[in-house]
Amino acid sequence: MKQYVIMAAGDFPVHPEPLAVLKNADLLVACDSAAAGLVERGIEFDYVVGDMDSLSEEYRELLKEKLIHIREQDTNDLQKAFRFTCSLCVPGDRITILGAAGKREDHTIANISLLTDFAQSHPEIRILTDTGIFFPVLESAEFSSFPGQAISIFNPGCEPIRLSSTGLIYPLAGLMLAKWWTASLNKAAADRFSLSFDGEHSDGIIVFAVYAE
């Protein structure tokens, strides 16, 4: 399994978890608005992807061998970078997005909400921030945790999803998620928890879990 990393243009990570992923990436793709920050920090990367409207002429010339210029305006740079990275992956490879949070809250919400869309074509996708990890869940599954770990569950599509759980302090017993925030602010009760979809569901949910201290 290879580890592919996409650097978005939010806050540059400072927590050891995302920094370790960045250091050990098999391939690093920068959104065009994040490329300058990587160059200024002396971090090598493989490609710059986007419509290049956020990259100065100076950096376009400096990075011309790495540029993947996608001109269409129907998607943002993170979506462009994801599609490009997917074209390099095989099943089982992991894609981790860094720099998706911070700076502008609207960008943060949009970036996180894209996870369930991304997971339709590449389930091994996640976002790491300086406080925890966001990951999509498309079907019933069990996850590792630790007692007291903060867990939030979001339904970005807002299409009703009935969800049950084990291993959470506040159990979900067939809870109907009809709004995106309905199952947020929970905690793990043990070292495992599970989420079960009751009946049909649409595009899945997004789980946030904080790091161990």
C-alpha atoms as a PDB file:
ATOM      1  CA  MET A   1       0.000   0.000   0.000  1.00  0.00           C
ATOM      2  CA  LYS A   2       1.359   3.395  -0.992  1.00  0.00           C
ATOM      3  CA  GLN A   3       0.693   6.614   0.900  1.00  0.00           C
ATOM      4  CA  TYR A   4      -0.329   9.522  -1.313  1.00  0.00           C
ATOM      5  CA  VAL A   5      -0.646  12.976   0.252  1.00  0.00           C
ATOM      6  CA  ILE A   6      -2.481  16.033  -1.065  1.00  0.00           C
ATOM      7  CA  MET A   7      -1.553  19.381   0.458  1.00  0.00           C
ATOM      8  CA  ALA A   8      -4.434  21.868   0.415  1.00  0.00           C
ATOM      9  CA  ALA A   9      -4.153  25.589   1.106  1.00  0.00           C
ATOM     10  CA  GLY A  10      -5.460  25.800   4.673  1.00  0.00           C
ATOM     11  CA  ASP A  11      -3.282  25.977   7.769  1.00  0.00           C
ATOM     12  CA  PHE A  12       0.015  24.127   7.462  1.00  0.00           C
ATOM     13  CA  PRO A  13       0.033  21.229   9.972  1.00  0.00           C
ATOM     14  CA  VAL A  14       1.975  21.424  13.214  1.00  0.00           C
ATOM     15  CA  HIS A  15       0.740  18.272  15.011  1.00  0.00           C
ATOM     16  CA  PRO A  16       3.110  15.245  14.921  1.00  0.00           C
ATOM     17  CA  GLU A  17       0.491  12.957  13.297  1.00  0.00           C
ATOM     18  CA  PRO A  18      -0.020  14.893  10.031  1.00  0.00           C
ATOM     19  CA  LEU A  19       3.651  15.918   9.965  1.00  0.00           C
ATOM     20  CA  ALA A  20       4.687  12.244  10.102  1.00  0.00           C
ATOM     21  CA  VAL A  21       2.336  11.435   7.218  1.00  0.00           C
ATOM     22  CA  LEU A  22       3.798  14.327   5.225  1.00  0.00           C
ATOM     23  CA  LYS A  23       7.366  13.192   5.919  1.00  0.00           C
ATOM     24  CA  ASN A  24       6.675   9.577   4.902  1.00  0.00           C
ATOM     25  CA  ALA A  25       4.547  10.211   1.810  1.00  0.00           C
ATOM     26  CA  ASP A  26       5.340   8.083  -1.230  1.00  0.00           C
ATOM     27  CA  LEU A  27       4.030  10.909  -3.413  1.00  0.00           C
ATOM     28  CA  LEU A  28       3.071  14.494  -2.523  1.00  0.00           C
ATOM     29  CA  VAL A  29       0.651  16.520  -4.632  1.00  0.00           C
ATOM     30  CA  ALA A  30       0.152  20.229  -3.933  1.00  0.00           C
ATOM     31  CA  CYS A  31      -2.939  22.218  -4.792  1.00  0.00           C
ATOM     32  CA  ASP A  32      -1.699  25.258  -6.706  1.00  0.00           C
ATOM     33  CA  SER A  33      -2.490  27.603  -3.799  1.00  0.00           C
ATOM     34  CA  ALA A  34      -0.415  25.437  -1.432  1.00  0.00           C
ATOM     35  CA  ALA A  35       2.688  25.075  -3.595  1.00  0.00           C
ATOM     36  CA  ALA A  36       4.384  28.322  -2.546  1.00  0.00           C
ATOM     37  CA  GLY A  37       4.141  27.379   1.141  1.00  0.00           C
ATOM     38  CA  LEU A  38       5.846  24.053   0.497  1.00  0.00           C
ATOM     39  CA  VAL A  39       8.644  25.707  -1.487  1.00  0.00           C
ATOM     40  CA  GLU A  40       9.181  28.286   1.263  1.00  0.00           C
ATOM     41  CA  ARG A  41       9.485  25.492   3.836  1.00  0.00           C
ATOM     42  CA  GLY A  42      11.963  23.589   1.685  1.00  0.00           C
ATOM     43  CA  ILE A  43       9.606  20.599   1.276  1.00  0.00           C
ATOM     44  CA  GLU A  44       9.987  18.613  -1.924  1.00  0.00           C
ATOM     45  CA  PHE A  45       6.823  17.577  -3.745  1.00  0.00           C
ATOM     46  CA  ASP A  46       5.978  15.787  -6.972  1.00  0.00           C
ATOM     47  CA  TYR A  47       3.167  17.715  -8.670  1.00  0.00           C
ATOM     48  CA  VAL A  48       1.223  20.980  -8.506  1.00  0.00           C
ATOM     49  CA  VAL A  49      -2.406  20.569  -9.596  1.00  0.00           C
ATOM     50  CA  GLY A  50      -5.047  23.218 -10.240  1.00  0.00           C
ATOM     51  CA  ASP A  51      -6.183  25.999 -12.531  1.00  0.00           C
ATOM     52  CA  MET A  52      -3.030  27.946 -11.533  1.00  0.00           C
ATOM     53  CA  ASP A  53      -4.933  31.111 -10.688  1.00  0.00           C
ATOM     54  CA  SER A  54      -3.315  31.128  -7.235  1.00  0.00           C
ATOM     55  CA  LEU A  55       0.250  30.564  -8.427  1.00  0.00           C
ATOM     56  CA  SER A  56       2.438  33.517  -9.361  1.00  0.00           C
ATOM     57  CA  GLU A  57       4.318  33.677 -12.655  1.00  0.00           C
ATOM     58  CA  GLU A  58       7.549  33.300 -10.689  1.00  0.00           C
ATOM     59  CA  TYR A  59       6.415  30.026  -9.158  1.00  0.00           C
ATOM     60  CA  ARG A  60       4.908  28.791 -12.428  1.00  0.00           C
ATOM     61  CA  GLU A  61       8.329  29.142 -14.019  1.00  0.00           C
ATOM     62  CA  LEU A  62      10.128  27.627 -11.038  1.00  0.00           C
ATOM     63  CA  LEU A  63       7.783  24.627 -10.903  1.00  0.00           C
ATOM     64  CA  LYS A  64       7.024  24.229 -14.596  1.00  0.00           C
ATOM     65  CA  GLU A  65       8.182  20.586 -14.660  1.00  0.00           C
ATOM     66  CA  LYS A  66       5.692  19.727 -11.915  1.00  0.00           C
ATOM     67  CA  LEU A  67       2.624  21.616 -13.165  1.00  0.00           C
ATOM     68  CA  ILE A  68      -0.618  19.792 -13.948  1.00  0.00           C
ATOM     69  CA  HIS A  69      -2.754  22.604 -15.331  1.00  0.00           C
ATOM     70  CA  ILE A  70      -6.478  21.791 -15.298  1.00  0.00           C
ATOM     71  CA  ARG A  71      -8.376  24.738 -16.704  1.00  0.00           C
ATOM     72  CA  GLU A  72     -12.001  23.804 -16.043  1.00  0.00           C
ATOM     73  CA  GLN A  73     -13.791  25.888 -13.395  1.00  0.00           C
ATOM     74  CA  ASP A  74     -16.553  23.480 -12.370  1.00  0.00           C
ATOM     75  CA  THR A  75     -14.476  22.015  -9.502  1.00  0.00           C
ATOM     76  CA  ASN A  76     -12.058  23.486  -6.975  1.00  0.00           C
ATOM     77  CA  ASP A  77      -8.336  22.768  -6.750  1.00  0.00           C
ATOM     78  CA  LEU A  78      -8.766  20.060  -4.105  1.00  0.00           C
ATOM     79  CA  GLN A  79     -11.190  18.169  -6.342  1.00  0.00           C
ATOM     80  CA  LYS A  80      -8.766  18.516  -9.251  1.00  0.00           C
ATOM     81  CA  ALA A  81      -5.861  17.299  -7.114  1.00  0.00           C
ATOM     82  CA  PHE A  82      -7.915  14.351  -5.847  1.00  0.00           C
ATOM     83  CA  ARG A  83      -8.907  13.225  -9.350  1.00  0.00           C
ATOM     84  CA  PHE A  84      -5.308  13.483 -10.523  1.00  0.00           C
ATOM     85  CA  THR A  85      -3.995  11.561  -7.510  1.00  0.00           C
ATOM     86  CA  CYS A  86      -6.624   8.857  -8.035  1.00  0.00           C
ATOM     87  CA  SER A  87      -5.307   8.362 -11.560  1.00  0.00           C
ATOM     88  CA  LEU A  88      -1.974   7.290 -10.027  1.00  0.00           C
ATOM     89  CA  CYS A  89      -3.447   4.958  -7.387  1.00  0.00           C
ATOM     90  CA  VAL A  90      -4.317   1.300  -7.332  1.00  0.00           C
ATOM     91  CA  PRO A  91      -6.925  -0.247  -4.978  1.00  0.00           C
ATOM     92  CA  GLY A  92      -5.628  -0.294  -1.423  1.00  0.00           C
ATOM     93  CA  ASP A  93      -3.473   2.809  -1.733  1.00  0.00           C
ATOM     94  CA  ARG A  94      -4.305   5.521   0.777  1.00  0.00           C
ATOM     95  CA  ILE A  95      -4.860   9.201   0.008  1.00  0.00           C
ATOM     96  CA  THR A  96      -4.454  11.630   2.905  1.00  0.00           C
ATOM     97  CA  ILE A  97      -5.388  15.289   2.632  1.00  0.00           C
ATOM     98  CA  LEU A  98      -3.494  17.802   4.764  1.00  0.00           C
ATOM     99  CA  GLY A  99      -4.061  21.548   5.036  1.00  0.00           C
ATOM    100  CA  ALA A 100      -7.820  21.158   4.501  1.00  0.00           C
ATOM    101  CA  ALA A 101      -8.774  23.152   7.599  1.00  0.00           C
ATOM    102  CA  GLY A 102      -8.065  26.657   8.810  1.00  0.00           C
ATOM    103  CA  LYS A 103      -7.878  30.149   7.316  1.00  0.00           C
ATOM    104  CA  ARG A 104     -11.408  30.336   5.851  1.00  0.00           C
ATOM    105  CA  GLU A 105     -14.200  28.428   7.542  1.00  0.00           C
ATOM    106  CA  ASP A 106     -16.217  28.084   4.331  1.00  0.00           C
ATOM    107  CA  HIS A 107     -13.270  26.358   2.665  1.00  0.00           C
ATOM    108  CA  THR A 108     -12.876  24.071   5.681  1.00  0.00           C
ATOM    109  CA  ILE A 109     -16.529  22.984   5.612  1.00  0.00           C
ATOM    110  CA  ALA A 110     -16.472  22.464   1.847  1.00  0.00           C
ATOM    111  CA  ASN A 111     -13.234  20.433   1.970  1.00  0.00           C
ATOM    112  CA  ILE A 112     -14.497  18.114   4.709  1.00  0.00           C
ATOM    113  CA  SER A 113     -17.882  17.698   3.023  1.00  0.00           C
ATOM    114  CA  LEU A 114     -16.147  16.428  -0.117  1.00  0.00           C
ATOM    115  CA  LEU A 115     -14.959  13.271   1.673  1.00  0.00           C
ATOM    116  CA  THR A 116     -18.076  11.203   0.985  1.00  0.00           C
ATOM    117  CA  ASP A 117     -17.965  12.237  -2.677  1.00  0.00           C
ATOM    118  CA  PHE A 118     -14.294  11.262  -2.893  1.00  0.00           C
ATOM    119  CA  ALA A 119     -14.953   7.932  -1.162  1.00  0.00           C
ATOM    120  CA  GLN A 120     -17.269   6.787  -3.949  1.00  0.00           C
ATOM    121  CA  SER A 121     -14.230   6.371  -6.212  1.00  0.00           C
ATOM    122  CA  HIS A 122     -11.499   5.860  -3.588  1.00  0.00           C
ATOM    123  CA  PRO A 123     -12.648   4.651  -0.132  1.00  0.00           C
ATOM    124  CA  GLU A 124      -9.136   4.910   1.367  1.00  0.00           C
ATOM    125  CA  ILE A 125      -9.360   8.681   1.756  1.00  0.00           C
ATOM    126  CA  ARG A 126      -9.012  10.780   4.909  1.00  0.00           C
ATOM    127  CA  ILE A 127      -8.302  14.291   6.167  1.00  0.00           C
ATOM    128  CA  LEU A 128      -5.821  14.878   8.975  1.00  0.00           C
ATOM    129  CA  THR A 129      -5.936  18.129  10.930  1.00  0.00           C
ATOM    130  CA  ASP A 130      -4.022  19.319  13.990  1.00  0.00           C
ATOM    131  CA  THR A 131      -6.668  17.852  16.316  1.00  0.00           C
ATOM    132  CA  GLY A 132      -7.825  14.635  14.674  1.00  0.00           C
ATOM    133  CA  ILE A 133      -8.883  12.693  11.620  1.00  0.00           C
ATOM    134  CA  PHE A 134     -11.949  12.887   9.370  1.00  0.00           C
ATOM    135  CA  PHE A 135     -12.824   9.753   7.394  1.00  0.00           C
ATOM    136  CA  PRO A 136     -15.828   8.629   5.350  1.00  0.00           C
ATOM    137  CA  VAL A 137     -17.919   5.587   6.204  1.00  0.00           C
ATOM    138  CA  LEU A 138     -20.024   4.113   3.411  1.00  0.00           C
ATOM    139  CA  GLU A 139     -21.223   0.921   5.098  1.00  0.00           C
ATOM    140  CA  SER A 140     -21.478  -0.747   8.498  1.00  0.00           C
ATOM    141  CA  ALA A 141     -18.026  -1.158  10.090  1.00  0.00           C
ATOM    142  CA  GLU A 142     -16.000  -1.371  13.305  1.00  0.00           C
ATOM    143  CA  PHE A 143     -13.163   0.983  14.263  1.00  0.00           C
ATOM    144  CA  SER A 144     -10.346   1.118  16.783  1.00  0.00           C
ATOM    145  CA  SER A 145     -10.524   3.822  19.444  1.00  0.00           C
ATOM    146  CA  PHE A 146      -9.598   4.497  23.063  1.00  0.00           C
ATOM    147  CA  PRO A 147     -11.798   5.177  26.090  1.00  0.00           C
ATOM    148  CA  GLY A 148     -12.895   8.789  26.178  1.00  0.00           C
ATOM    149  CA  GLN A 149     -11.887   9.524  22.590  1.00  0.00           C
ATOM    150  CA  ALA A 150     -14.040  12.322  21.204  1.00  0.00           C
ATOM    151  CA  ILE A 151     -16.060  11.039  18.245  1.00  0.00           C
ATOM    152  CA  SER A 152     -18.396  13.058  16.022  1.00  0.00           C
ATOM    153  CA  ILE A 153     -20.511  11.756  13.171  1.00  0.00           C
ATOM    154  CA  PHE A 154     -21.766  13.962  10.358  1.00  0.00           C
ATOM    155  CA  ASN A 155     -24.248  13.430   7.553  1.00  0.00           C
ATOM    156  CA  PRO A 156     -23.143  15.916   4.868  1.00  0.00           C
ATOM    157  CA  GLY A 157     -25.852  14.891   2.431  1.00  0.00           C
ATOM    158  CA  CYS A 158     -28.639  15.528   4.997  1.00  0.00           C
ATOM    159  CA  GLU A 159     -30.614  12.696   3.403  1.00  0.00           C
ATOM    160  CA  PRO A 160     -32.148  10.654   6.255  1.00  0.00           C
ATOM    161  CA  ILE A 161     -29.877   7.823   7.419  1.00  0.00           C
ATOM    162  CA  ARG A 162     -30.785   5.507  10.326  1.00  0.00           C
ATOM    163  CA  LEU A 163     -27.674   4.651  12.344  1.00  0.00           C
ATOM    164  CA  SER A 164     -26.942   2.395  15.302  1.00  0.00           C
ATOM    165  CA  SER A 165     -23.727   2.009  17.305  1.00  0.00           C
ATOM    166  CA  THR A 166     -21.844  -0.028  19.883  1.00  0.00           C
ATOM    167  CA  GLY A 167     -18.921   1.154  21.989  1.00  0.00           C
ATOM    168  CA  LEU A 168     -20.010   4.797  22.279  1.00  0.00           C
ATOM    169  CA  ILE A 169     -20.854   6.511  25.579  1.00  0.00           C
ATOM    170  CA  TYR A 170     -24.056   7.897  24.047  1.00  0.00           C
ATOM    171  CA  PRO A 171     -25.441   4.943  22.039  1.00  0.00           C
ATOM    172  CA  LEU A 172     -27.091   5.470  18.686  1.00  0.00           C
ATOM    173  CA  ALA A 173     -30.073   3.157  18.734  1.00  0.00           C
ATOM    174  CA  GLY A 174     -31.498   3.528  15.278  1.00  0.00           C
ATOM    175  CA  LEU A 175     -30.998   7.280  15.395  1.00  0.00           C
ATOM    176  CA  MET A 176     -32.307   9.018  12.294  1.00  0.00           C
ATOM    177  CA  LEU A 177     -29.664  11.380  10.959  1.00  0.00           C
ATOM    178  CA  ALA A 178     -31.681  13.942   9.075  1.00  0.00           C
ATOM    179  CA  LYS A 179     -29.413  16.912   9.698  1.00  0.00           C
ATOM    180  CA  TRP A 180     -25.679  16.996   9.205  1.00  0.00           C
ATOM    181  CA  TRP A 181     -24.815  17.607  12.902  1.00  0.00           C
ATOM    182  CA  THR A 182     -27.295  15.241  14.599  1.00  0.00           C
ATOM    183  CA  ALA A 183     -24.733  12.695  15.905  1.00  0.00           C
ATOM    184  CA  SER A 184     -21.845  14.999  16.751  1.00  0.00           C
ATOM    185  CA  LEU A 185     -20.059  15.312  20.126  1.00  0.00           C
ATOM    186  CA  ASN A 186     -19.989  11.692  21.295  1.00  0.00           C
ATOM    187  CA  LYS A 187     -17.192   9.702  22.969  1.00  0.00           C
ATOM    188  CA  ALA A 188     -15.785   6.181  22.696  1.00  0.00           C
ATOM    189  CA  ALA A 189     -16.451   3.944  25.687  1.00  0.00           C
ATOM    190  CA  ALA A 190     -13.784   1.330  24.934  1.00  0.00           C
ATOM    191  CA  ASP A 191     -11.044   0.405  22.469  1.00  0.00           C
ATOM    192  CA  ARG A 192     -13.500  -0.390  19.670  1.00  0.00           C
ATOM    193  CA  PHE A 193     -16.736   1.090  18.403  1.00  0.00           C
ATOM    194  CA  SER A 194     -19.037   0.141  15.549  1.00  0.00           C
ATOM    195  CA  LEU A 195     -21.512   1.946  13.335  1.00  0.00           C
ATOM    196  CA  SER A 196     -24.348   0.145  11.581  1.00  0.00           C
ATOM    197  CA  PHE A 197     -26.588   1.476   8.845  1.00  0.00           C
ATOM    198  CA  ASP A 198     -30.167   0.273   9.196  1.00  0.00           C
ATOM    199  CA  GLY A 199     -31.635  -0.303   5.749  1.00  0.00           C
ATOM    200  CA  GLU A 200     -30.833   1.831   2.740  1.00  0.00           C
ATOM    201  CA  HIS A 201     -28.505   4.794   2.932  1.00  0.00           C
ATOM    202  CA  SER A 202     -27.257   7.237   0.359  1.00  0.00           C
ATOM    203  CA  ASP A 203     -23.730   8.551   0.202  1.00  0.00           C
ATOM    204  CA  GLY A 204     -22.513   7.635   3.665  1.00  0.00           C
ATOM    205  CA  ILE A 205     -21.329   9.637   6.654  1.00  0.00           C
ATOM    206  CA  ILE A 206     -18.169  11.345   7.892  1.00  0.00           C
ATOM    207  CA  VAL A 207     -16.579  10.462  11.232  1.00  0.00           C
ATOM    208  CA  PHE A 208     -14.215  12.703  13.169  1.00  0.00           C
ATOM    209  CA  ALA A 209     -11.964  11.208  15.874  1.00  0.00           C
ATOM    210  CA  VAL A 210      -9.431  13.109  17.959  1.00  0.00           C
ATOM    211  CA  TYR A 211      -5.860  11.887  18.340  1.00  0.00           C
ATOM    212  CA  ALA A 212      -4.638  10.177  21.481  1.00  0.00           C
ATOM    213  CA  GLU A 213      -2.765  12.622  23.695  1.00  0.00           C
END
